[in-house]
Amino acid sequence: MKIKAAIILAVFFAALNLLCVQQEEVYYGYVLEVVDGDTIKVNINGTVEKIRLLGIDCPETRAANDPAKFQNISVEKLDYWGKVAKKFAEENLNGKNVTIKIDPYSDRKDRYGRTLAYVYLEGVDFGALMIQKGLARVYTNAEFSKKAEYLKLQSEAMRSKVGVWSEMDES
């Protein structure tokens, strides 16, 4: 009888554990505008949401760039790569249907009220693609479930000197 009770308890706790696992929210939308390399406006069921791509940070296009965030690459070079990142996002996202995934381990909104989310285009994680192409760095000031994966992609981009990382000094 004790073994039966132990099995029942084990099954109960396993089921309870499954119920407690946080699930990501998934939405489908249409990209109306690319604000910059890491921010877009998406129509989701008739509501326009400003989405900040979770876990990435592109060089700025509307504000001063901080070289300390990008291995002390000059402001002028960061300004250039910010424009390249925005253009790449525009060419690939404007007018496209995307999948938006909210990470249950991250904040839902940033301090500007933008929704923090992963954006997928035809099944491809667009934030990861931006990192691979050297058009973004990993935003390490927040927690999110893909941080380790993104940091690995960034290391590879830096080692390969692609995109903004092609501007790093050899010293």
Protein backbone atom coordinates (compact mmCIF):
# COMPACT_ATOMS: atom_id res chain seq x y z
CA MET A 1 0.00 0.00 0.00
CA LYS A 2 2.90 2.38 0.78
CA ILE A 3 4.33 1.92 -2.72
CA LYS A 4 0.95 2.71 -4.29
CA ALA A 5 0.66 5.88 -2.17
CA ALA A 6 4.21 6.91 -3.11
CA ILE A 7 3.44 6.43 -6.82
CA ILE A 8 0.22 8.43 -6.54
CA LEU A 9 2.06 11.25 -4.75
CA ALA A 10 4.85 11.22 -7.35
CA VAL A 11 2.34 11.45 -10.20
CA PHE A 12 0.45 14.22 -8.37
CA PHE A 13 3.60 16.33 -7.84
CA ALA A 14 4.77 15.76 -11.41
CA ALA A 15 1.40 16.99 -12.71
CA LEU A 16 1.48 19.96 -10.34
CA ASN A 17 4.97 20.83 -11.53
CA LEU A 18 3.80 20.80 -15.16
CA LEU A 19 0.98 23.18 -14.30
CA CYS A 20 3.44 25.60 -12.68
CA VAL A 21 5.74 25.82 -15.71
CA GLN A 22 5.28 29.23 -17.21
CA GLN A 23 4.13 29.34 -20.81
CA GLU A 24 5.10 32.02 -23.30
CA GLU A 25 2.30 34.02 -24.87
CA VAL A 26 2.15 33.95 -28.67
CA TYR A 27 0.55 36.58 -30.91
CA TYR A 28 0.41 37.13 -34.65
CA GLY A 29 0.67 40.53 -36.23
CA TYR A 30 1.54 42.68 -39.20
CA VAL A 31 4.53 45.07 -39.09
CA LEU A 32 3.38 48.61 -39.77
CA GLU A 33 6.64 50.44 -39.12
CA VAL A 34 10.26 49.90 -38.17
CA VAL A 35 11.17 52.61 -35.66
CA ASP A 36 14.81 51.53 -35.48
CA GLY A 37 16.79 48.28 -35.52
CA ASP A 38 15.28 46.95 -32.31
CA THR A 39 11.83 48.60 -32.17
CA ILE A 40 8.82 48.04 -34.42
CA LYS A 41 5.12 48.87 -34.53
CA VAL A 42 2.89 45.87 -35.09
CA ASN A 43 -0.85 45.57 -35.70
CA ILE A 44 -2.09 42.73 -33.49
CA ASN A 45 -5.82 42.11 -33.94
CA GLY A 46 -6.50 45.78 -34.70
CA THR A 47 -4.34 47.17 -31.89
CA VAL A 48 -1.01 48.83 -32.65
CA GLU A 49 1.69 47.62 -30.28
CA LYS A 50 5.16 49.11 -30.04
CA ILE A 51 7.45 46.09 -29.70
CA ARG A 52 11.03 46.24 -28.43
CA LEU A 53 12.90 43.13 -29.59
CA LEU A 54 13.73 41.33 -26.37
CA GLY A 55 17.37 40.75 -25.52
CA ILE A 56 18.99 42.91 -28.18
CA ASP A 57 20.26 46.47 -28.45
CA CYS A 58 21.09 48.04 -31.80
CA PRO A 59 23.17 51.19 -32.19
CA GLU A 60 20.89 54.21 -31.90
CA THR A 61 19.43 56.21 -34.79
CA ARG A 62 17.47 58.79 -32.77
CA ALA A 63 19.76 59.40 -29.78
CA ALA A 64 23.44 59.60 -28.94
CA ASN A 65 25.29 56.29 -29.07
CA ASP A 66 27.34 55.11 -26.10
CA PRO A 67 30.66 53.59 -27.24
CA ALA A 68 31.04 51.78 -23.89
CA LYS A 69 28.12 49.52 -24.85
CA PHE A 70 29.89 48.44 -28.06
CA GLN A 71 33.52 47.77 -27.14
CA ASN A 72 34.37 51.52 -27.40
CA ILE A 73 33.63 51.71 -31.11
CA SER A 74 33.42 55.38 -32.09
CA VAL A 75 30.13 57.29 -32.07
CA GLU A 76 30.45 57.96 -35.81
CA LYS A 77 30.80 54.27 -36.61
CA LEU A 78 27.93 53.38 -34.27
CA ASP A 79 25.75 56.02 -35.96
CA TYR A 80 26.50 54.34 -39.30
CA TRP A 81 25.72 50.82 -37.98
CA GLY A 82 22.51 52.08 -36.37
CA LYS A 83 21.33 53.16 -39.82
CA VAL A 84 22.39 49.83 -41.33
CA ALA A 85 20.49 47.93 -38.61
CA LYS A 86 17.35 50.00 -39.18
CA LYS A 87 17.57 49.52 -42.96
CA PHE A 88 18.00 45.75 -42.55
CA ALA A 89 14.97 45.61 -40.25
CA GLU A 90 12.91 47.74 -42.66
CA GLU A 91 13.81 45.57 -45.65
CA ASN A 92 12.94 42.38 -43.81
CA LEU A 93 10.04 43.31 -41.52
CA ASN A 94 8.03 46.18 -43.01
CA GLY A 95 4.69 44.92 -44.30
CA LYS A 96 5.33 41.37 -43.11
CA ASN A 97 3.37 39.02 -40.91
CA VAL A 98 5.31 38.13 -37.78
CA THR A 99 4.93 35.97 -34.71
CA ILE A 100 5.37 37.74 -31.38
CA LYS A 101 6.41 35.69 -28.35
CA ILE A 102 6.37 37.05 -24.81
CA ASP A 103 9.04 35.48 -22.60
CA PRO A 104 7.56 34.45 -19.22
CA TYR A 105 10.97 35.01 -17.59
CA SER A 106 11.29 38.62 -18.71
CA ASP A 107 9.54 41.86 -17.90
CA ARG A 108 6.54 42.37 -20.17
CA LYS A 109 7.15 46.10 -20.73
CA ASP A 110 10.21 48.34 -20.70
CA ARG A 111 10.44 51.72 -18.99
CA TYR A 112 9.05 53.40 -22.13
CA GLY A 113 5.93 51.22 -22.19
CA ARG A 114 7.04 49.12 -25.16
CA THR A 115 6.16 45.42 -25.15
CA LEU A 116 9.30 43.28 -24.79
CA ALA A 117 9.08 40.26 -27.07
CA TYR A 118 10.85 37.93 -29.44
CA VAL A 119 9.86 38.57 -33.05
CA TYR A 120 9.81 35.69 -35.53
CA LEU A 121 9.71 36.11 -39.29
CA GLU A 122 8.85 32.89 -41.12
CA GLY A 123 9.97 30.90 -38.07
CA VAL A 124 13.32 32.72 -37.72
CA ASP A 125 14.12 34.58 -34.48
CA PHE A 126 14.78 38.07 -35.87
CA GLY A 127 16.66 39.24 -32.74
CA ALA A 128 19.06 36.30 -33.03
CA LEU A 129 19.53 37.12 -36.72
CA MET A 130 20.39 40.75 -35.87
CA ILE A 131 23.05 39.52 -33.41
CA GLN A 132 24.48 37.01 -35.91
CA LYS A 133 24.84 39.76 -38.52
CA GLY A 134 26.59 42.05 -36.04
CA LEU A 135 23.75 44.58 -36.18
CA ALA A 136 22.94 44.31 -32.46
CA ARG A 137 24.54 43.44 -29.14
CA VAL A 138 22.98 41.37 -26.40
CA TYR A 139 21.12 43.53 -23.89
CA THR A 140 22.56 42.12 -20.68
CA ASN A 141 20.83 44.46 -18.21
CA ALA A 142 17.69 42.30 -18.07
CA GLU A 143 16.80 38.66 -17.62
CA PHE A 144 15.34 36.63 -20.47
CA SER A 145 15.38 32.95 -21.34
CA LYS A 146 17.51 33.26 -24.50
CA LYS A 147 20.37 35.22 -22.90
CA ALA A 148 22.93 32.38 -23.01
CA GLU A 149 22.03 31.57 -26.63
CA TYR A 150 22.26 35.24 -27.64
CA LEU A 151 25.61 35.71 -25.85
CA LYS A 152 27.02 32.73 -27.76
CA LEU A 153 25.83 34.24 -31.06
CA GLN A 154 27.38 37.58 -30.11
CA SER A 155 30.71 35.93 -29.31
CA GLU A 156 30.70 34.28 -32.73
CA ALA A 157 29.85 37.58 -34.46
CA MET A 158 32.62 39.39 -32.57
CA ARG A 159 35.14 36.65 -33.35
CA SER A 160 34.14 36.77 -37.03
CA LYS A 161 34.19 40.60 -36.99
CA VAL A 162 30.84 40.97 -38.74
CA GLY A 163 28.77 44.12 -38.80
CA VAL A 164 29.52 46.60 -36.04
CA TRP A 165 32.17 44.22 -34.67
CA SER A 166 34.25 44.77 -37.83
CA GLU A 167 35.03 48.18 -36.32
CA MET A 168 36.73 46.83 -33.19
CA ASP A 169 40.35 47.86 -32.65
CA GLU A 170 42.96 45.13 -32.96
CA SER A 171 44.67 46.26 -29.74
